Amino acid sequence: MVGGFRFGWELVGVGGVTCRIGDGASEYEVHAGYCTDALADLLYAVTGLYGDSDGERFSFDREPMETRWLLRRRGTDVAVDVFEFPDGGTSWGSVDETGGVLLWSSVQPRGVLCHAVVEAAEGVLREHGEVGYREKWVRHPFPVAALQDLRRLHRRDDDCRREACRGEG
């Protein structure tokens, strides 16, 4: 937990994950499966917040639903909106959130959001290792390069000196 912000990523069974996010005012929990490379998609989207993009989006396929995360930069803060879409064949991958239901929303400093995501990913790697992650997530390897990129940018641009950000693996 950084400030009042919490982010968790827990592998559940084979091919499942529980993601928890909260900001002290509200919390959201989503369960997703391995149809998408969910952790890599999350890490790459958060890494994109360090580039020229004003926003990033990624989705979890929840069979039969889609959970879409929209990350929009607002100066040094990031607006995080999580939407759910029914499976209708037309919403998946659409370019806007029309038709989606907003499930959770918060604005956090970029450094706080990124640090919490780095800590959660590091925790998964410590608990399972790369081999154990692949055994549990099945279709996709642990996204080592994506984590390293995010950690490097977070350390450089947010001047993070906390333990999870020290290693450059």
N, C-alpha and C. Protein backbone atom coordinates (compact mmCIF):
# COMPACT_ATOMS: atom_id res chain seq x y z
N MET A 1 0.85 -1.18 0.00
CA MET A 1 0.00 0.00 0.00
C MET A 1 0.89 1.23 0.00
N VAL A 2 0.59 2.16 -0.89
CA VAL A 2 1.31 3.42 -0.98
C VAL A 2 0.28 4.51 -0.73
N GLY A 3 0.47 5.30 0.33
CA GLY A 3 -0.57 6.26 0.70
C GLY A 3 -1.82 5.46 1.03
N GLY A 4 -2.96 5.81 0.50
CA GLY A 4 -4.17 5.02 0.68
C GLY A 4 -4.40 4.08 -0.49
N PHE A 5 -3.49 4.07 -1.45
CA PHE A 5 -3.67 3.30 -2.67
C PHE A 5 -3.15 1.89 -2.49
N ARG A 6 -3.95 0.91 -2.93
CA ARG A 6 -3.57 -0.50 -2.86
C ARG A 6 -3.78 -1.14 -4.23
N PHE A 7 -2.87 -2.03 -4.57
CA PHE A 7 -3.01 -2.80 -5.80
C PHE A 7 -2.46 -4.19 -5.53
N GLY A 8 -3.24 -5.20 -5.87
CA GLY A 8 -2.80 -6.57 -5.65
C GLY A 8 -3.04 -7.44 -6.87
N TRP A 9 -2.18 -8.43 -7.04
CA TRP A 9 -2.25 -9.35 -8.17
C TRP A 9 -1.95 -10.74 -7.63
N GLU A 10 -2.95 -11.61 -7.61
CA GLU A 10 -2.79 -12.93 -7.01
C GLU A 10 -3.21 -14.01 -8.00
N LEU A 11 -2.29 -14.90 -8.32
CA LEU A 11 -2.63 -16.03 -9.17
C LEU A 11 -3.51 -16.98 -8.38
N VAL A 12 -4.57 -17.47 -9.03
CA VAL A 12 -5.54 -18.33 -8.38
C VAL A 12 -5.72 -19.58 -9.23
N GLY A 13 -5.44 -20.73 -8.66
CA GLY A 13 -5.59 -21.97 -9.41
C GLY A 13 -4.69 -21.97 -10.63
N VAL A 14 -5.16 -22.61 -11.68
CA VAL A 14 -4.43 -22.64 -12.94
C VAL A 14 -5.17 -21.73 -13.92
N GLY A 15 -4.47 -20.71 -14.41
CA GLY A 15 -5.04 -19.82 -15.42
C GLY A 15 -5.97 -18.76 -14.89
N GLY A 16 -5.88 -18.43 -13.61
CA GLY A 16 -6.74 -17.40 -13.05
C GLY A 16 -5.96 -16.39 -12.25
N VAL A 17 -6.51 -15.19 -12.15
CA VAL A 17 -5.90 -14.14 -11.35
C VAL A 17 -7.01 -13.35 -10.67
N THR A 18 -6.72 -12.89 -9.46
CA THR A 18 -7.57 -11.94 -8.79
C THR A 18 -6.77 -10.65 -8.68
N CYS A 19 -7.34 -9.59 -9.21
CA CYS A 19 -6.72 -8.27 -9.16
C CYS A 19 -7.57 -7.40 -8.25
N ARG A 20 -6.92 -6.76 -7.28
CA ARG A 20 -7.61 -5.87 -6.34
C ARG A 20 -7.00 -4.49 -6.42
N ILE A 21 -7.87 -3.49 -6.43
CA ILE A 21 -7.40 -2.11 -6.47
C ILE A 21 -8.29 -1.29 -5.54
N GLY A 22 -7.67 -0.39 -4.80
CA GLY A 22 -8.44 0.44 -3.88
C GLY A 22 -7.70 1.73 -3.59
N ASP A 23 -8.45 2.74 -3.18
CA ASP A 23 -7.84 4.04 -2.93
C ASP A 23 -8.20 4.64 -1.57
N GLY A 24 -8.72 3.84 -0.68
CA GLY A 24 -9.13 4.33 0.62
C GLY A 24 -10.60 4.73 0.64
N ALA A 25 -11.13 5.15 -0.50
CA ALA A 25 -12.55 5.52 -0.59
C ALA A 25 -13.38 4.37 -1.15
N SER A 26 -12.79 3.62 -2.08
CA SER A 26 -13.51 2.51 -2.69
C SER A 26 -12.51 1.44 -3.13
N GLU A 27 -13.04 0.25 -3.34
CA GLU A 27 -12.22 -0.86 -3.79
C GLU A 27 -12.91 -1.58 -4.93
N TYR A 28 -12.12 -2.28 -5.74
CA TYR A 28 -12.67 -3.09 -6.82
C TYR A 28 -11.84 -4.36 -6.90
N GLU A 29 -12.50 -5.46 -7.17
CA GLU A 29 -11.84 -6.75 -7.34
C GLU A 29 -12.35 -7.38 -8.62
N VAL A 30 -11.44 -7.88 -9.42
CA VAL A 30 -11.82 -8.54 -10.66
C VAL A 30 -11.07 -9.86 -10.77
N HIS A 31 -11.75 -10.85 -11.31
CA HIS A 31 -11.15 -12.16 -11.57
C HIS A 31 -11.06 -12.30 -13.08
N ALA A 32 -9.90 -12.69 -13.56
CA ALA A 32 -9.70 -12.84 -15.01
C ALA A 32 -8.96 -14.13 -15.28
N GLY A 33 -9.00 -14.54 -16.53
CA GLY A 33 -8.35 -15.77 -16.95
C GLY A 33 -7.24 -15.51 -17.95
N TYR A 34 -6.59 -16.59 -18.33
CA TYR A 34 -5.38 -16.52 -19.15
C TYR A 34 -5.63 -16.33 -20.65
N CYS A 35 -6.85 -16.03 -21.05
CA CYS A 35 -7.10 -15.80 -22.48
C CYS A 35 -6.33 -14.59 -22.99
N THR A 36 -6.04 -13.66 -22.10
CA THR A 36 -5.19 -12.53 -22.45
C THR A 36 -3.94 -12.60 -21.57
N ASP A 37 -2.90 -11.94 -21.99
CA ASP A 37 -1.66 -11.87 -21.21
C ASP A 37 -1.81 -10.70 -20.25
N ALA A 38 -2.70 -10.86 -19.27
CA ALA A 38 -3.19 -9.77 -18.44
C ALA A 38 -2.08 -8.99 -17.73
N LEU A 39 -1.14 -9.67 -17.09
CA LEU A 39 -0.10 -8.96 -16.35
C LEU A 39 0.80 -8.18 -17.30
N ALA A 40 1.18 -8.79 -18.41
CA ALA A 40 2.00 -8.07 -19.39
C ALA A 40 1.24 -6.87 -19.94
N ASP A 41 -0.03 -7.03 -20.25
CA ASP A 41 -0.83 -5.92 -20.77
C ASP A 41 -0.89 -4.77 -19.77
N LEU A 42 -1.08 -5.11 -18.50
CA LEU A 42 -1.09 -4.10 -17.44
C LEU A 42 0.26 -3.38 -17.37
N LEU A 43 1.35 -4.14 -17.32
CA LEU A 43 2.68 -3.53 -17.20
C LEU A 43 3.01 -2.64 -18.39
N TYR A 44 2.69 -3.10 -19.59
CA TYR A 44 2.97 -2.27 -20.78
C TYR A 44 2.12 -1.00 -20.80
N ALA A 45 0.87 -1.10 -20.36
CA ALA A 45 0.01 0.08 -20.32
C ALA A 45 0.54 1.10 -19.32
N VAL A 46 0.92 0.64 -18.14
CA VAL A 46 1.45 1.57 -17.13
C VAL A 46 2.78 2.15 -17.61
N THR A 47 3.60 1.36 -18.27
CA THR A 47 4.85 1.86 -18.84
C THR A 47 4.58 2.96 -19.85
N GLY A 48 3.49 2.83 -20.62
CA GLY A 48 3.13 3.84 -21.60
C GLY A 48 2.85 5.20 -20.99
N LEU A 49 2.57 5.26 -19.70
CA LEU A 49 2.33 6.54 -19.03
C LEU A 49 3.60 7.38 -18.94
N TYR A 50 4.75 6.78 -19.23
CA TYR A 50 6.01 7.50 -19.20
C TYR A 50 6.40 8.03 -20.58
N GLY A 51 5.59 7.79 -21.57
CA GLY A 51 5.89 8.26 -22.92
C GLY A 51 5.06 9.48 -23.27
N ASP A 52 4.83 9.66 -24.55
CA ASP A 52 4.10 10.82 -25.05
C ASP A 52 2.59 10.63 -25.02
N SER A 53 2.14 9.43 -24.79
CA SER A 53 0.71 9.14 -24.83
C SER A 53 -0.03 9.83 -23.69
N ASP A 54 -1.21 10.33 -23.98
CA ASP A 54 -2.06 10.92 -22.94
C ASP A 54 -2.85 9.85 -22.19
N GLY A 55 -2.89 8.65 -22.77
CA GLY A 55 -3.65 7.60 -22.13
C GLY A 55 -3.33 6.23 -22.70
N GLU A 56 -3.64 5.24 -21.91
CA GLU A 56 -3.42 3.85 -22.29
C GLU A 56 -4.66 3.06 -21.91
N ARG A 57 -4.91 1.97 -22.64
CA ARG A 57 -6.01 1.08 -22.27
C ARG A 57 -5.58 -0.36 -22.50
N PHE A 58 -6.15 -1.22 -21.69
CA PHE A 58 -5.92 -2.66 -21.84
C PHE A 58 -7.16 -3.36 -21.31
N SER A 59 -7.30 -4.62 -21.68
CA SER A 59 -8.50 -5.37 -21.31
C SER A 59 -8.16 -6.73 -20.77
N PHE A 60 -9.06 -7.23 -19.92
CA PHE A 60 -9.03 -8.60 -19.46
C PHE A 60 -10.24 -9.30 -20.05
N ASP A 61 -10.03 -10.43 -20.67
CA ASP A 61 -11.13 -11.25 -21.16
C ASP A 61 -11.60 -12.10 -20.00
N ARG A 62 -12.86 -11.90 -19.61
CA ARG A 62 -13.38 -12.62 -18.45
C ARG A 62 -14.39 -13.68 -18.84
N GLU A 63 -14.56 -13.92 -20.07
CA GLU A 63 -15.45 -14.98 -20.57
C GLU A 63 -16.74 -15.09 -19.76
N PRO A 64 -17.79 -14.46 -20.02
CA PRO A 64 -18.11 -13.84 -21.30
C PRO A 64 -18.00 -12.32 -21.28
N MET A 65 -17.38 -11.75 -20.27
CA MET A 65 -17.30 -10.30 -20.15
C MET A 65 -15.90 -9.81 -20.54
N GLU A 66 -15.83 -8.51 -20.75
CA GLU A 66 -14.55 -7.82 -20.93
C GLU A 66 -14.45 -6.78 -19.83
N THR A 67 -13.31 -6.72 -19.15
CA THR A 67 -13.03 -5.64 -18.22
C THR A 67 -11.95 -4.80 -18.86
N ARG A 68 -12.27 -3.54 -19.08
CA ARG A 68 -11.34 -2.63 -19.76
C ARG A 68 -10.87 -1.56 -18.79
N TRP A 69 -9.57 -1.35 -18.77
CA TRP A 69 -8.95 -0.33 -17.93
C TRP A 69 -8.52 0.83 -18.82
N LEU A 70 -8.87 2.01 -18.43
CA LEU A 70 -8.48 3.22 -19.14
C LEU A 70 -7.63 4.06 -18.19
N LEU A 71 -6.40 4.33 -18.59
CA LEU A 71 -5.46 5.13 -17.81
C LEU A 71 -5.20 6.42 -18.58
N ARG A 72 -5.57 7.56 -17.98
CA ARG A 72 -5.39 8.85 -18.65
C ARG A 72 -4.53 9.77 -17.80
N ARG A 73 -3.49 10.32 -18.44
CA ARG A 73 -2.61 11.25 -17.73
C ARG A 73 -3.30 12.59 -17.53
N ARG A 74 -3.13 13.11 -16.33
CA ARG A 74 -3.62 14.45 -15.98
C ARG A 74 -2.49 15.14 -15.24
N GLY A 75 -1.57 15.72 -16.00
CA GLY A 75 -0.37 16.30 -15.39
C GLY A 75 0.47 15.18 -14.80
N THR A 76 0.75 15.25 -13.50
CA THR A 76 1.54 14.21 -12.85
C THR A 76 0.65 13.12 -12.27
N ASP A 77 -0.66 13.24 -12.44
CA ASP A 77 -1.61 12.25 -11.95
C ASP A 77 -2.12 11.37 -13.09
N VAL A 78 -2.75 10.27 -12.70
CA VAL A 78 -3.35 9.34 -13.66
C VAL A 78 -4.78 9.04 -13.21
N ALA A 79 -5.71 9.26 -14.12
CA ALA A 79 -7.10 8.86 -13.87
C ALA A 79 -7.22 7.40 -14.28
N VAL A 80 -7.69 6.57 -13.37
CA VAL A 80 -7.86 5.14 -13.63
C VAL A 80 -9.36 4.85 -13.64
N ASP A 81 -9.87 4.38 -14.76
CA ASP A 81 -11.28 4.01 -14.88
C ASP A 81 -11.35 2.55 -15.34
N VAL A 82 -12.18 1.78 -14.66
CA VAL A 82 -12.35 0.36 -14.99
C VAL A 82 -13.80 0.16 -15.43
N PHE A 83 -13.96 -0.35 -16.65
CA PHE A 83 -15.28 -0.57 -17.24
C PHE A 83 -15.51 -2.06 -17.45
N GLU A 84 -16.77 -2.44 -17.45
CA GLU A 84 -17.15 -3.81 -17.79
C GLU A 84 -18.07 -3.76 -19.01
N PHE A 85 -17.83 -4.68 -19.91
CA PHE A 85 -18.63 -4.81 -21.12
C PHE A 85 -19.21 -6.21 -21.19
N PRO A 86 -20.48 -6.32 -21.56
CA PRO A 86 -21.04 -7.65 -21.78
C PRO A 86 -20.44 -8.23 -23.05
N ASP A 87 -20.47 -9.53 -23.15
CA ASP A 87 -19.97 -10.18 -24.36
C ASP A 87 -21.05 -10.11 -25.43
N GLY A 88 -20.82 -9.22 -26.38
CA GLY A 88 -21.76 -9.12 -27.47
C GLY A 88 -21.05 -9.19 -28.81
N GLY A 89 -19.75 -9.36 -28.75
CA GLY A 89 -19.00 -9.45 -29.99
C GLY A 89 -18.65 -8.09 -30.57
N THR A 90 -19.37 -7.04 -30.18
CA THR A 90 -19.11 -5.73 -30.76
C THR A 90 -18.29 -4.84 -29.84
N SER A 91 -18.30 -5.12 -28.54
CA SER A 91 -17.60 -4.23 -27.62
C SER A 91 -16.11 -4.53 -27.51
N TRP A 92 -15.72 -5.81 -27.65
CA TRP A 92 -14.33 -6.19 -27.43
C TRP A 92 -13.41 -5.39 -28.33
N GLY A 93 -12.50 -4.65 -27.69
CA GLY A 93 -11.52 -3.90 -28.44
C GLY A 93 -12.05 -2.63 -29.07
N SER A 94 -13.29 -2.24 -28.79
CA SER A 94 -13.81 -1.01 -29.37
C SER A 94 -12.98 0.17 -28.90
N VAL A 95 -13.02 1.27 -29.62
CA VAL A 95 -12.13 2.39 -29.35
C VAL A 95 -12.64 3.33 -28.27
N ASP A 96 -13.84 3.14 -27.77
CA ASP A 96 -14.31 3.98 -26.67
C ASP A 96 -15.06 3.13 -25.66
N GLU A 97 -15.50 3.77 -24.61
CA GLU A 97 -16.13 3.04 -23.53
C GLU A 97 -17.66 3.08 -23.61
N THR A 98 -18.20 3.56 -24.72
CA THR A 98 -19.64 3.57 -24.91
C THR A 98 -20.18 2.15 -24.78
N GLY A 99 -21.20 2.00 -23.97
CA GLY A 99 -21.77 0.67 -23.77
C GLY A 99 -21.19 -0.05 -22.59
N GLY A 100 -20.12 0.48 -22.02
CA GLY A 100 -19.53 -0.14 -20.85
C GLY A 100 -20.11 0.45 -19.57
N VAL A 101 -19.99 -0.30 -18.50
CA VAL A 101 -20.44 0.16 -17.19
C VAL A 101 -19.19 0.50 -16.37
N LEU A 102 -19.13 1.72 -15.84
CA LEU A 102 -18.00 2.12 -15.02
C LEU A 102 -18.10 1.42 -13.67
N LEU A 103 -17.08 0.62 -13.33
CA LEU A 103 -17.07 -0.15 -12.10
C LEU A 103 -16.23 0.48 -11.00
N TRP A 104 -15.18 1.20 -11.39
CA TRP A 104 -14.28 1.79 -10.40
C TRP A 104 -13.54 2.93 -11.05
N SER A 105 -13.28 3.97 -10.27
CA SER A 105 -12.59 5.14 -10.79
C SER A 105 -11.81 5.83 -9.68
N SER A 106 -10.63 6.32 -10.00
CA SER A 106 -9.80 7.03 -9.03
C SER A 106 -8.75 7.84 -9.78
N VAL A 107 -8.21 8.84 -9.12
CA VAL A 107 -7.09 9.60 -9.66
C VAL A 107 -5.95 9.46 -8.66
N GLN A 108 -4.78 9.06 -9.17
CA GLN A 108 -3.62 8.83 -8.32
C GLN A 108 -2.39 9.47 -8.95
N PRO A 109 -1.42 9.87 -8.13
CA PRO A 109 -0.14 10.30 -8.69
C PRO A 109 0.47 9.15 -9.49
N ARG A 110 1.06 9.46 -10.63
CA ARG A 110 1.65 8.42 -11.47
C ARG A 110 2.65 7.57 -10.70
N GLY A 111 3.49 8.20 -9.90
CA GLY A 111 4.50 7.46 -9.14
C GLY A 111 3.88 6.47 -8.16
N VAL A 112 2.78 6.85 -7.54
CA VAL A 112 2.10 5.97 -6.59
C VAL A 112 1.50 4.77 -7.32
N LEU A 113 0.79 5.03 -8.42
CA LEU A 113 0.21 3.95 -9.22
C LEU A 113 1.29 3.01 -9.72
N CYS A 114 2.32 3.55 -10.31
CA CYS A 114 3.37 2.72 -10.90
C CYS A 114 4.11 1.92 -9.85
N HIS A 115 4.39 2.53 -8.71
CA HIS A 115 5.09 1.81 -7.66
C HIS A 115 4.25 0.63 -7.15
N ALA A 116 2.97 0.86 -6.96
CA ALA A 116 2.09 -0.22 -6.48
C ALA A 116 2.04 -1.37 -7.48
N VAL A 117 2.01 -1.06 -8.76
CA VAL A 117 1.98 -2.10 -9.80
C VAL A 117 3.32 -2.86 -9.81
N VAL A 118 4.44 -2.14 -9.71
CA VAL A 118 5.75 -2.79 -9.66
C VAL A 118 5.83 -3.72 -8.45
N GLU A 119 5.40 -3.24 -7.28
CA GLU A 119 5.45 -4.09 -6.08
C GLU A 119 4.59 -5.34 -6.24
N ALA A 120 3.41 -5.20 -6.83
CA ALA A 120 2.53 -6.36 -7.01
C ALA A 120 3.17 -7.38 -7.96
N ALA A 121 3.73 -6.91 -9.07
CA ALA A 121 4.37 -7.82 -10.03
C ALA A 121 5.59 -8.49 -9.41
N GLU A 122 6.39 -7.72 -8.67
CA GLU A 122 7.55 -8.28 -7.99
C GLU A 122 7.12 -9.36 -6.99
N GLY A 123 6.02 -9.13 -6.29
CA GLY A 123 5.51 -10.10 -5.34
C GLY A 123 5.13 -11.41 -6.01
N VAL A 124 4.50 -11.32 -7.16
CA VAL A 124 4.13 -12.53 -7.92
C VAL A 124 5.39 -13.28 -8.34
N LEU A 125 6.38 -12.54 -8.82
CA LEU A 125 7.63 -13.17 -9.25
C LEU A 125 8.35 -13.83 -8.08
N ARG A 126 8.40 -13.16 -6.92
CA ARG A 126 9.03 -13.75 -5.74
C ARG A 126 8.31 -15.02 -5.30
N GLU A 127 6.98 -14.96 -5.32
CA GLU A 127 6.19 -16.10 -4.83
C GLU A 127 6.27 -17.32 -5.74
N HIS A 128 6.22 -17.09 -7.04
CA HIS A 128 6.09 -18.20 -7.98
C HIS A 128 7.34 -18.46 -8.82
N GLY A 129 8.17 -17.44 -9.02
CA GLY A 129 9.29 -17.57 -9.95
C GLY A 129 8.77 -17.64 -11.37
N GLU A 130 9.67 -17.57 -12.32
CA GLU A 130 9.24 -17.61 -13.73
C GLU A 130 8.62 -18.96 -14.10
N VAL A 131 9.22 -20.04 -13.63
CA VAL A 131 8.71 -21.37 -13.96
C VAL A 131 7.34 -21.58 -13.33
N GLY A 132 7.21 -21.25 -12.06
CA GLY A 132 5.94 -21.42 -11.37
C GLY A 132 4.84 -20.55 -11.95
N TYR A 133 5.21 -19.34 -12.37
CA TYR A 133 4.24 -18.46 -13.01
C TYR A 133 3.71 -19.10 -14.29
N ARG A 134 4.61 -19.61 -15.10
CA ARG A 134 4.21 -20.24 -16.37
C ARG A 134 3.33 -21.46 -16.12
N GLU A 135 3.64 -22.22 -15.09
CA GLU A 135 2.82 -23.38 -14.75
C GLU A 135 1.40 -22.97 -14.35
N LYS A 136 1.28 -21.86 -13.64
CA LYS A 136 -0.04 -21.41 -13.19
C LYS A 136 -0.77 -20.60 -14.26
N TRP A 137 -0.05 -19.77 -15.02
CA TRP A 137 -0.70 -18.91 -15.99
C TRP A 137 -0.85 -19.61 -17.34
N VAL A 138 -0.12 -20.62 -17.60
CA VAL A 138 -0.21 -21.56 -18.70
C VAL A 138 0.17 -20.97 -20.06
N ARG A 139 -0.58 -20.05 -20.57
CA ARG A 139 -0.38 -19.59 -21.96
C ARG A 139 0.74 -18.57 -22.14
N HIS A 140 1.13 -17.90 -21.07
CA HIS A 140 2.08 -16.79 -21.22
C HIS A 140 3.15 -16.86 -20.13
N PRO A 141 4.41 -16.55 -20.49
CA PRO A 141 5.48 -16.50 -19.50
C PRO A 141 5.36 -15.23 -18.65
N PHE A 142 6.08 -15.21 -17.52
CA PHE A 142 6.11 -13.99 -16.72
C PHE A 142 6.73 -12.88 -17.55
N PRO A 143 6.13 -11.70 -17.55
CA PRO A 143 6.61 -10.59 -18.41
C PRO A 143 7.81 -9.86 -17.80
N VAL A 144 8.96 -10.52 -17.78
CA VAL A 144 10.17 -9.99 -17.17
C VAL A 144 10.57 -8.66 -17.81
N ALA A 145 10.62 -8.60 -19.13
CA ALA A 145 11.06 -7.37 -19.81
C ALA A 145 10.12 -6.21 -19.52
N ALA A 146 8.83 -6.47 -19.49
CA ALA A 146 7.86 -5.41 -19.21
C ALA A 146 8.05 -4.88 -17.79
N LEU A 147 8.29 -5.77 -16.83
CA LEU A 147 8.53 -5.33 -15.45
C LEU A 147 9.82 -4.53 -15.36
N GLN A 148 10.87 -4.99 -16.01
CA GLN A 148 12.14 -4.27 -15.98
C GLN A 148 12.00 -2.88 -16.58
N ASP A 149 11.28 -2.77 -17.69
CA ASP A 149 11.08 -1.46 -18.33
C ASP A 149 10.33 -0.51 -17.40
N LEU A 150 9.24 -1.00 -16.81
CA LEU A 150 8.45 -0.15 -15.92
C LEU A 150 9.28 0.26 -14.70
N ARG A 151 9.98 -0.67 -14.10
CA ARG A 151 10.81 -0.36 -12.94
C ARG A 151 11.85 0.70 -13.28
N ARG A 152 12.52 0.54 -14.41
CA ARG A 152 13.56 1.49 -14.83
C ARG A 152 12.99 2.89 -15.02
N LEU A 153 11.86 3.00 -15.73
CA LEU A 153 11.26 4.31 -15.97
C LEU A 153 10.74 4.94 -14.68
N HIS A 154 10.17 4.13 -13.82
CA HIS A 154 9.66 4.62 -12.54
C HIS A 154 10.80 5.15 -11.68
N ARG A 155 11.89 4.40 -11.61
CA ARG A 155 13.06 4.87 -10.85
C ARG A 155 13.60 6.17 -11.42
N ARG A 156 13.72 6.23 -12.72
CA ARG A 156 14.31 7.40 -13.37
C ARG A 156 13.42 8.63 -13.26
N ASP A 157 12.15 8.49 -13.64
CA ASP A 157 11.27 9.66 -13.74
C ASP A 157 10.57 10.02 -12.44
N ASP A 158 10.39 9.06 -11.56
CA ASP A 158 9.72 9.33 -10.28
C ASP A 158 10.71 9.31 -9.13
N ASP A 159 11.99 9.07 -9.44
CA ASP A 159 13.06 9.06 -8.44
C ASP A 159 12.74 8.12 -7.28
N CYS A 160 12.22 6.95 -7.63
CA CYS A 160 11.84 5.99 -6.60
C CYS A 160 13.07 5.28 -6.05
N ARG A 161 13.15 5.24 -4.74
CA ARG A 161 14.28 4.57 -4.09
C ARG A 161 13.81 3.45 -3.15
N ARG A 162 12.54 3.08 -3.29
CA ARG A 162 12.02 2.00 -2.45
C ARG A 162 12.58 0.67 -2.90
N GLU A 163 12.52 -0.32 -2.02
CA GLU A 163 13.14 -1.62 -2.24
C GLU A 163 12.74 -2.28 -3.56
N ALA A 164 11.45 -2.31 -3.88
CA ALA A 164 11.00 -3.01 -5.09
C ALA A 164 11.60 -2.40 -6.35
N CYS A 165 12.05 -1.15 -6.27
CA CYS A 165 12.55 -0.47 -7.46
C CYS A 165 14.07 -0.46 -7.54
N ARG A 166 14.74 -1.01 -6.55
CA ARG A 166 16.21 -0.98 -6.55
C ARG A 166 16.81 -1.94 -7.56
N GLY A 167 16.29 -3.17 -7.59
CA GLY A 167 16.86 -4.18 -8.50
C GLY A 167 16.60 -3.83 -9.94
N GLU A 168 17.51 -4.17 -10.77
CA GLU A 168 17.37 -3.88 -12.20
C GLU A 168 17.44 -5.17 -13.00
N GLY A 169 17.29 -6.32 -12.33
CA GLY A 169 17.30 -7.66 -12.88
C GLY A 169 17.44 -7.85 -14.28
